[in-house]
Amino acid sequence: LKYRSAAEVFNAIVTDLRRRCRSKSVGEKMRSRRRAADKLHGSCVAYTDKVFDVYKRLLVLRLEFYYTPELAHCIDITLAQEDIAHFLANQRCNAIFADLVGYIVKTEYGVSKGIHHHVVLYFDANSRNPYYQEYYGRQFCDYWEGTITQGRGEAWNLNTKKNLLSLEQRGIKGIGDIRDSDALLRQNLNERVLGYLCKGDQFFRPAYGRDFRRLRKGVAPKKRRLTRPKASGKQK
């Protein structure tokens, strides 16, 4: 009986994986996944453009909601969906959501974090002072950790002064205070922020249930119509 070394077994597995990845069926699945991810990204960019069409200056908050390391792999998709739905539903009655004009939420699964949510919130920057964006972000993180998940969750606020400065110095800033005329910031928002949310390697769907929502977006605002003042007096 011939025994193979660990290296030989590993090489055999790699060879088999390469063979499978070159197969026609796998290739088509990969292309299909890429097309779906591109379509998702396009819808997010189009939605964001519509928000900018109405609100010419946005405060963009980028947050990540997840669960404590002890519970990360005990949280199932049903509970994770209920938590993020609860968070979004409360915008109707919670003051911290004031001046929110749009949002995008992408649900993903990671080996270390388990199920987690990437959250992008759009605020009217003419009503919300961007100077306090780190504070606003922290408010939402605290709300997720304390109120929504009752201590089961953790959160990461990317709108800290330190992170914003780092992104700006590297020329990749796509969050914070953005005007509709800021070509670089909008490009970074579309390609780096939204592109990351819609990346193809996290295009997963649970094996059970058809009501799972990978991505949630707000309702696109409608352009405000300019109305002419009514003429006073009677026409002759």
C-alpha atoms as a PDB file:
ATOM      1  CA  LEU A   1       0.000   0.000   0.000  1.00  0.00           C
ATOM      2  CA  LYS A   2       1.437   3.298  -1.063  1.00  0.00           C
ATOM      3  CA  TYR A   3       0.899   6.338   1.155  1.00  0.00           C
ATOM      4  CA  ARG A   4       1.022   9.832  -0.286  1.00  0.00           C
ATOM      5  CA  SER A   5       2.651  12.702   1.562  1.00  0.00           C
ATOM      6  CA  ALA A   6       0.657  15.731   2.671  1.00  0.00           C
ATOM      7  CA  ALA A   7       2.285  17.783  -0.084  1.00  0.00           C
ATOM      8  CA  GLU A   8       1.232  15.255  -2.711  1.00  0.00           C
ATOM      9  CA  VAL A   9      -2.351  15.260  -1.422  1.00  0.00           C
ATOM     10  CA  PHE A  10      -2.418  19.055  -1.428  1.00  0.00           C
ATOM     11  CA  ASN A  11      -1.061  19.247  -4.978  1.00  0.00           C
ATOM     12  CA  ALA A  12      -3.654  16.708  -6.138  1.00  0.00           C
ATOM     13  CA  ILE A  13      -6.464  18.795  -4.611  1.00  0.00           C
ATOM     14  CA  VAL A  14      -5.148  21.980  -6.234  1.00  0.00           C
ATOM     15  CA  THR A  15      -4.883  20.232  -9.601  1.00  0.00           C
ATOM     16  CA  ASP A  16      -8.449  18.974  -9.318  1.00  0.00           C
ATOM     17  CA  LEU A  17      -9.728  22.437  -8.341  1.00  0.00           C
ATOM     18  CA  ARG A  18      -7.989  24.012 -11.319  1.00  0.00           C
ATOM     19  CA  ARG A  19      -9.536  21.423 -13.608  1.00  0.00           C
ATOM     20  CA  ARG A  20     -12.984  22.085 -12.211  1.00  0.00           C
ATOM     21  CA  CYS A  21     -12.559  25.876 -12.453  1.00  0.00           C
ATOM     22  CA  ARG A  22     -11.674  25.546 -16.140  1.00  0.00           C
ATOM     23  CA  SER A  23     -14.852  23.611 -16.839  1.00  0.00           C
ATOM     24  CA  LYS A  24     -17.568  25.209 -18.957  1.00  0.00           C
ATOM     25  CA  SER A  25     -20.221  25.034 -16.223  1.00  0.00           C
ATOM     26  CA  VAL A  26     -18.041  26.759 -13.615  1.00  0.00           C
ATOM     27  CA  GLY A  27     -16.994  29.399 -16.126  1.00  0.00           C
ATOM     28  CA  GLU A  28     -20.600  30.210 -16.927  1.00  0.00           C
ATOM     29  CA  LYS A  29     -21.485  30.454 -13.224  1.00  0.00           C
ATOM     30  CA  MET A  30     -18.598  32.855 -12.671  1.00  0.00           C
ATOM     31  CA  ARG A  31     -19.668  35.011 -15.619  1.00  0.00           C
ATOM     32  CA  SER A  32     -23.255  34.959 -14.369  1.00  0.00           C
ATOM     33  CA  ARG A  33     -22.119  36.059 -10.918  1.00  0.00           C
ATOM     34  CA  ARG A  34     -20.078  38.888 -12.431  1.00  0.00           C
ATOM     35  CA  ARG A  35     -23.037  40.054 -14.534  1.00  0.00           C
ATOM     36  CA  ALA A  36     -25.299  40.025 -11.487  1.00  0.00           C
ATOM     37  CA  ALA A  37     -22.743  41.970  -9.418  1.00  0.00           C
ATOM     38  CA  ASP A  38     -22.320  44.531 -12.230  1.00  0.00           C
ATOM     39  CA  LYS A  39     -26.088  44.940 -12.477  1.00  0.00           C
ATOM     40  CA  LEU A  40     -26.330  45.462  -8.707  1.00  0.00           C
ATOM     41  CA  HIS A  41     -23.531  48.030  -8.825  1.00  0.00           C
ATOM     42  CA  GLY A  42     -25.194  49.862 -11.699  1.00  0.00           C
ATOM     43  CA  SER A  43     -28.457  50.104  -9.775  1.00  0.00           C
ATOM     44  CA  CYS A  44     -26.659  51.557  -6.737  1.00  0.00           C
ATOM     45  CA  VAL A  45     -24.832  54.155  -8.842  1.00  0.00           C
ATOM     46  CA  ALA A  46     -28.063  55.129 -10.603  1.00  0.00           C
ATOM     47  CA  TYR A  47     -29.858  55.443  -7.270  1.00  0.00           C
ATOM     48  CA  THR A  48     -27.054  57.618  -5.849  1.00  0.00           C
ATOM     49  CA  ASP A  49     -27.126  59.858  -8.943  1.00  0.00           C
ATOM     50  CA  LYS A  50     -30.853  60.409  -8.417  1.00  0.00           C
ATOM     51  CA  VAL A  51     -30.245  61.467  -4.818  1.00  0.00           C
ATOM     52  CA  PHE A  52     -27.587  63.954  -5.993  1.00  0.00           C
ATOM     53  CA  ASP A  53     -30.012  65.275  -8.628  1.00  0.00           C
ATOM     54  CA  VAL A  54     -32.307  66.456  -5.839  1.00  0.00           C
ATOM     55  CA  TYR A  55     -29.868  67.201  -3.019  1.00  0.00           C
ATOM     56  CA  LYS A  56     -26.810  68.855  -4.502  1.00  0.00           C
ATOM     57  CA  ARG A  57     -24.679  68.306  -1.406  1.00  0.00           C
ATOM     58  CA  LEU A  58     -24.686  65.083   0.587  1.00  0.00           C
ATOM     59  CA  LEU A  59     -23.163  63.914   3.827  1.00  0.00           C
ATOM     60  CA  VAL A  60     -22.276  60.266   3.204  1.00  0.00           C
ATOM     61  CA  LEU A  61     -21.839  58.058   6.267  1.00  0.00           C
ATOM     62  CA  ARG A  62     -20.291  54.622   5.874  1.00  0.00           C
ATOM     63  CA  LEU A  63     -20.838  52.113   8.674  1.00  0.00           C
ATOM     64  CA  GLU A  64     -20.435  48.397   9.217  1.00  0.00           C
ATOM     65  CA  PHE A  65     -22.774  46.459  11.497  1.00  0.00           C
ATOM     66  CA  TYR A  66     -21.848  42.990  12.719  1.00  0.00           C
ATOM     67  CA  TYR A  67     -22.016  40.801  15.828  1.00  0.00           C
ATOM     68  CA  THR A  68     -19.726  40.075  18.757  1.00  0.00           C
ATOM     69  CA  PRO A  69     -17.030  37.422  18.141  1.00  0.00           C
ATOM     70  CA  GLU A  70     -18.739  35.077  20.606  1.00  0.00           C
ATOM     71  CA  LEU A  71     -22.035  35.224  18.704  1.00  0.00           C
ATOM     72  CA  ALA A  72     -20.929  35.904  15.123  1.00  0.00           C
ATOM     73  CA  HIS A  73     -21.412  32.322  13.936  1.00  0.00           C
ATOM     74  CA  CYS A  74     -24.514  31.710  16.025  1.00  0.00           C
ATOM     75  CA  ILE A  75     -26.533  34.430  14.285  1.00  0.00           C
ATOM     76  CA  ASP A  76     -28.635  33.022  11.464  1.00  0.00           C
ATOM     77  CA  ILE A  77     -29.776  34.938   8.406  1.00  0.00           C
ATOM     78  CA  THR A  78     -33.334  35.308   9.708  1.00  0.00           C
ATOM     79  CA  LEU A  79     -32.241  37.156  12.852  1.00  0.00           C
ATOM     80  CA  ALA A  80     -29.706  39.235  10.924  1.00  0.00           C
ATOM     81  CA  GLN A  81     -32.446  40.292   8.490  1.00  0.00           C
ATOM     82  CA  GLU A  82     -34.809  41.157  11.318  1.00  0.00           C
ATOM     83  CA  ASP A  83     -32.144  43.322  12.986  1.00  0.00           C
ATOM     84  CA  ILE A  84     -31.308  45.388   9.905  1.00  0.00           C
ATOM     85  CA  ALA A  85     -35.003  45.710   8.986  1.00  0.00           C
ATOM     86  CA  HIS A  86     -35.675  46.982  12.526  1.00  0.00           C
ATOM     87  CA  PHE A  87     -32.863  49.512  12.155  1.00  0.00           C
ATOM     88  CA  LEU A  88     -34.210  50.871   8.864  1.00  0.00           C
ATOM     89  CA  ALA A  89     -37.849  50.899  10.006  1.00  0.00           C
ATOM     90  CA  ASN A  90     -37.013  53.117  12.962  1.00  0.00           C
ATOM     91  CA  GLN A  91     -36.004  56.014  10.699  1.00  0.00           C
ATOM     92  CA  ARG A  92     -39.641  57.069  10.762  1.00  0.00           C
ATOM     93  CA  CYS A  93     -39.683  57.810  14.482  1.00  0.00           C
ATOM     94  CA  ASN A  94     -36.102  58.366  15.655  1.00  0.00           C
ATOM     95  CA  ALA A  95     -34.511  61.821  15.628  1.00  0.00           C
ATOM     96  CA  ILE A  96     -31.039  60.525  14.723  1.00  0.00           C
ATOM     97  CA  PHE A  97     -32.414  59.781  11.235  1.00  0.00           C
ATOM     98  CA  ALA A  98     -33.470  63.409  10.680  1.00  0.00           C
ATOM     99  CA  ASP A  99     -32.489  64.707   7.216  1.00  0.00           C
ATOM    100  CA  LEU A 100     -31.788  61.179   5.930  1.00  0.00           C
ATOM    101  CA  VAL A 101     -32.502  61.305   2.188  1.00  0.00           C
ATOM    102  CA  GLY A 102     -31.285  57.866   1.084  1.00  0.00           C
ATOM    103  CA  TYR A 103     -29.511  54.670   2.076  1.00  0.00           C
ATOM    104  CA  ILE A 104     -27.940  51.494   0.711  1.00  0.00           C
ATOM    105  CA  VAL A 105     -27.419  48.369   2.830  1.00  0.00           C
ATOM    106  CA  LYS A 106     -25.550  45.277   1.608  1.00  0.00           C
ATOM    107  CA  THR A 107     -25.638  42.047   3.635  1.00  0.00           C
ATOM    108  CA  GLU A 108     -22.613  39.779   3.413  1.00  0.00           C
ATOM    109  CA  TYR A 109     -21.026  36.758   5.059  1.00  0.00           C
ATOM    110  CA  GLY A 110     -17.396  36.623   6.176  1.00  0.00           C
ATOM    111  CA  VAL A 111     -15.374  33.775   7.652  1.00  0.00           C
ATOM    112  CA  SER A 112     -14.341  35.827  10.682  1.00  0.00           C
ATOM    113  CA  LYS A 113     -17.349  38.156  11.128  1.00  0.00           C
ATOM    114  CA  GLY A 114     -20.155  35.885  10.012  1.00  0.00           C
ATOM    115  CA  ILE A 115     -23.209  37.734   8.681  1.00  0.00           C
ATOM    116  CA  HIS A 116     -22.712  41.496   8.645  1.00  0.00           C
ATOM    117  CA  HIS A 117     -24.130  44.608   6.983  1.00  0.00           C
ATOM    118  CA  HIS A 118     -22.376  47.363   5.037  1.00  0.00           C
ATOM    119  CA  VAL A 119     -24.416  50.545   5.510  1.00  0.00           C
ATOM    120  CA  VAL A 120     -24.211  53.778   3.490  1.00  0.00           C
ATOM    121  CA  LEU A 121     -26.434  56.624   4.676  1.00  0.00           C
ATOM    122  CA  TYR A 122     -27.080  59.780   2.632  1.00  0.00           C
ATOM    123  CA  PHE A 123     -27.988  62.984   4.484  1.00  0.00           C
ATOM    124  CA  ASP A 124     -28.804  66.456   3.197  1.00  0.00           C
ATOM    125  CA  ALA A 125     -25.509  68.204   4.009  1.00  0.00           C
ATOM    126  CA  ASN A 126     -27.205  71.588   3.905  1.00  0.00           C
ATOM    127  CA  SER A 127     -29.197  70.507   6.969  1.00  0.00           C
ATOM    128  CA  ARG A 128     -26.663  68.192   8.663  1.00  0.00           C
ATOM    129  CA  ASN A 129     -23.337  69.867   9.473  1.00  0.00           C
ATOM    130  CA  PRO A 130     -20.569  67.605   8.061  1.00  0.00           C
ATOM    131  CA  TYR A 131     -18.209  68.875  10.773  1.00  0.00           C
ATOM    132  CA  TYR A 132     -19.980  66.533  13.219  1.00  0.00           C
ATOM    133  CA  GLN A 133     -20.015  63.469  10.976  1.00  0.00           C
ATOM    134  CA  GLU A 134     -17.858  61.376  13.318  1.00  0.00           C
ATOM    135  CA  TYR A 135     -20.387  62.048  16.075  1.00  0.00           C
ATOM    136  CA  TYR A 136     -23.310  61.162  13.797  1.00  0.00           C
ATOM    137  CA  GLY A 137     -21.637  57.912  12.818  1.00  0.00           C
ATOM    138  CA  ARG A 138     -20.996  57.030  16.433  1.00  0.00           C
ATOM    139  CA  GLN A 139     -24.669  57.658  17.222  1.00  0.00           C
ATOM    140  CA  PHE A 140     -25.737  55.036  14.693  1.00  0.00           C
ATOM    141  CA  CYS A 141     -23.105  52.554  15.896  1.00  0.00           C
ATOM    142  CA  ASP A 142     -24.320  52.962  19.489  1.00  0.00           C
ATOM    143  CA  TYR A 143     -27.904  52.571  18.307  1.00  0.00           C
ATOM    144  CA  TRP A 144     -27.074  49.305  16.536  1.00  0.00           C
ATOM    145  CA  GLU A 145     -25.101  47.915  19.462  1.00  0.00           C
ATOM    146  CA  GLY A 146     -27.448  48.944  22.243  1.00  0.00           C
ATOM    147  CA  THR A 147     -30.999  49.348  20.983  1.00  0.00           C
ATOM    148  CA  ILE A 148     -31.245  47.127  17.902  1.00  0.00           C
ATOM    149  CA  THR A 149     -29.128  44.140  18.950  1.00  0.00           C
ATOM    150  CA  GLN A 150     -29.343  44.580  22.727  1.00  0.00           C
ATOM    151  CA  GLY A 151     -25.603  44.034  23.181  1.00  0.00           C
ATOM    152  CA  ARG A 152     -25.306  41.255  20.581  1.00  0.00           C
ATOM    153  CA  GLY A 153     -23.866  43.577  17.970  1.00  0.00           C
ATOM    154  CA  GLU A 154     -20.779  45.612  17.268  1.00  0.00           C
ATOM    155  CA  ALA A 155     -20.213  48.381  14.723  1.00  0.00           C
ATOM    156  CA  TRP A 156     -17.497  50.271  12.896  1.00  0.00           C
ATOM    157  CA  ASN A 157     -17.743  53.962  12.019  1.00  0.00           C
ATOM    158  CA  LEU A 158     -15.625  54.826   8.970  1.00  0.00           C
ATOM    159  CA  ASN A 159     -16.358  58.564   9.221  1.00  0.00           C
ATOM    160  CA  THR A 160     -13.772  59.281  11.900  1.00  0.00           C
ATOM    161  CA  LYS A 161     -11.486  62.284  11.389  1.00  0.00           C
ATOM    162  CA  LYS A 162      -8.459  59.993  11.309  1.00  0.00           C
ATOM    163  CA  ASN A 163      -9.902  57.714   8.635  1.00  0.00           C
ATOM    164  CA  LEU A 164     -11.227  60.597   6.533  1.00  0.00           C
ATOM    165  CA  LEU A 165      -7.784  62.240   6.556  1.00  0.00           C
ATOM    166  CA  SER A 166      -6.119  58.965   5.568  1.00  0.00           C
ATOM    167  CA  LEU A 167      -8.536  58.432   2.675  1.00  0.00           C
ATOM    168  CA  GLU A 168      -8.065  62.006   1.477  1.00  0.00           C
ATOM    169  CA  GLN A 169      -4.267  61.787   1.591  1.00  0.00           C
ATOM    170  CA  ARG A 170      -4.378  58.632  -0.543  1.00  0.00           C
ATOM    171  CA  GLY A 171      -6.807  60.202  -3.005  1.00  0.00           C
ATOM    172  CA  ILE A 172      -9.475  57.559  -2.411  1.00  0.00           C
ATOM    173  CA  LYS A 173     -11.951  59.435  -0.235  1.00  0.00           C
ATOM    174  CA  GLY A 174     -15.543  58.749  -1.271  1.00  0.00           C
ATOM    175  CA  ILE A 175     -17.480  59.465   1.933  1.00  0.00           C
ATOM    176  CA  GLY A 176     -18.158  62.518   4.066  1.00  0.00           C
ATOM    177  CA  ASP A 177     -19.108  65.899   2.637  1.00  0.00           C
ATOM    178  CA  ILE A 178     -19.650  65.524  -1.135  1.00  0.00           C
ATOM    179  CA  ARG A 179     -21.091  68.066  -3.580  1.00  0.00           C
ATOM    180  CA  ASP A 180     -22.603  67.017  -6.869  1.00  0.00           C
ATOM    181  CA  SER A 181     -19.766  68.873  -8.674  1.00  0.00           C
ATOM    182  CA  ASP A 182     -16.964  67.009  -6.811  1.00  0.00           C
ATOM    183  CA  ALA A 183     -15.902  64.718  -9.663  1.00  0.00           C
ATOM    184  CA  LEU A 184     -13.172  62.815  -7.769  1.00  0.00           C
ATOM    185  CA  LEU A 185     -15.216  62.293  -4.614  1.00  0.00           C
ATOM    186  CA  ARG A 186     -18.198  61.070  -6.605  1.00  0.00           C
ATOM    187  CA  GLN A 187     -15.997  58.769  -8.660  1.00  0.00           C
ATOM    188  CA  ASN A 188     -14.516  57.316  -5.463  1.00  0.00           C
ATOM    189  CA  LEU A 189     -18.001  56.930  -3.998  1.00  0.00           C
ATOM    190  CA  ASN A 190     -19.226  55.078  -7.080  1.00  0.00           C
ATOM    191  CA  GLU A 191     -16.162  52.945  -7.771  1.00  0.00           C
ATOM    192  CA  ARG A 192     -14.604  52.356  -4.353  1.00  0.00           C
ATOM    193  CA  VAL A 193     -17.482  52.522  -1.875  1.00  0.00           C
ATOM    194  CA  LEU A 194     -20.376  51.191  -3.952  1.00  0.00           C
ATOM    195  CA  GLY A 195     -18.023  48.984  -5.974  1.00  0.00           C
ATOM    196  CA  TYR A 196     -16.856  47.340  -2.758  1.00  0.00           C
ATOM    197  CA  LEU A 197     -20.416  46.778  -1.600  1.00  0.00           C
ATOM    198  CA  CYS A 198     -21.298  45.050  -4.869  1.00  0.00           C
ATOM    199  CA  LYS A 199     -18.123  42.997  -5.315  1.00  0.00           C
ATOM    200  CA  GLY A 200     -18.721  39.658  -6.982  1.00  0.00           C
ATOM    201  CA  ASP A 201     -16.847  37.487  -4.492  1.00  0.00           C
ATOM    202  CA  GLN A 202     -19.504  38.193  -1.829  1.00  0.00           C
ATOM    203  CA  PHE A 203     -22.521  37.525  -4.005  1.00  0.00           C
ATOM    204  CA  PHE A 204     -24.062  34.904  -1.734  1.00  0.00           C
ATOM    205  CA  ARG A 205     -27.585  33.628  -1.168  1.00  0.00           C
ATOM    206  CA  PRO A 206     -28.693  31.251   1.600  1.00  0.00           C
ATOM    207  CA  ALA A 207     -29.701  27.749   0.542  1.00  0.00           C
ATOM    208  CA  TYR A 208     -33.102  28.178   2.160  1.00  0.00           C
ATOM    209  CA  GLY A 209     -35.756  30.859   1.930  1.00  0.00           C
ATOM    210  CA  ARG A 210     -36.590  33.040  -1.052  1.00  0.00           C
ATOM    211  CA  ASP A 211     -37.243  36.280   0.801  1.00  0.00           C
ATOM    212  CA  PHE A 212     -33.589  36.995   1.580  1.00  0.00           C
ATOM    213  CA  ARG A 213     -32.523  40.497   0.573  1.00  0.00           C
ATOM    214  CA  ARG A 214     -28.835  40.966  -0.176  1.00  0.00           C
ATOM    215  CA  LEU A 215     -29.245  44.641  -0.895  1.00  0.00           C
ATOM    216  CA  ARG A 216     -31.695  47.274   0.315  1.00  0.00           C
ATOM    217  CA  LYS A 217     -32.064  50.803  -1.040  1.00  0.00           C
ATOM    218  CA  GLY A 218     -34.222  53.731  -0.086  1.00  0.00           C
ATOM    219  CA  VAL A 219     -36.841  55.175  -2.401  1.00  0.00           C
ATOM    220  CA  ALA A 220     -35.231  57.515  -4.914  1.00  0.00           C
ATOM    221  CA  PRO A 221     -36.332  61.098  -4.220  1.00  0.00           C
ATOM    222  CA  LYS A 222     -38.236  62.976  -6.882  1.00  0.00           C
ATOM    223  CA  LYS A 223     -36.995  66.225  -8.340  1.00  0.00           C
ATOM    224  CA  ARG A 224     -38.648  69.249  -6.837  1.00  0.00           C
ATOM    225  CA  ARG A 225     -40.853  71.073  -9.278  1.00  0.00           C
ATOM    226  CA  LEU A 226     -40.585  74.827  -9.559  1.00  0.00           C
ATOM    227  CA  THR A 227     -44.019  76.391  -9.508  1.00  0.00           C
ATOM    228  CA  ARG A 228     -44.855  79.822 -10.810  1.00  0.00           C
ATOM    229  CA  PRO A 229     -46.455  82.209  -8.337  1.00  0.00           C
ATOM    230  CA  LYS A 230     -50.135  82.733  -8.951  1.00  0.00           C
ATOM    231  CA  ALA A 231     -51.022  86.015 -10.601  1.00  0.00           C
ATOM    232  CA  SER A 232     -52.922  88.371  -8.351  1.00  0.00           C
ATOM    233  CA  GLY A 233     -56.082  90.100  -9.457  1.00  0.00           C
ATOM    234  CA  LYS A 234     -58.589  89.265 -12.154  1.00  0.00           C
ATOM    235  CA  GLN A 235     -57.666  88.874 -15.756  1.00  0.00           C
ATOM    236  CA  LYS A 236     -59.184  91.379 -18.115  1.00  0.00           C
END
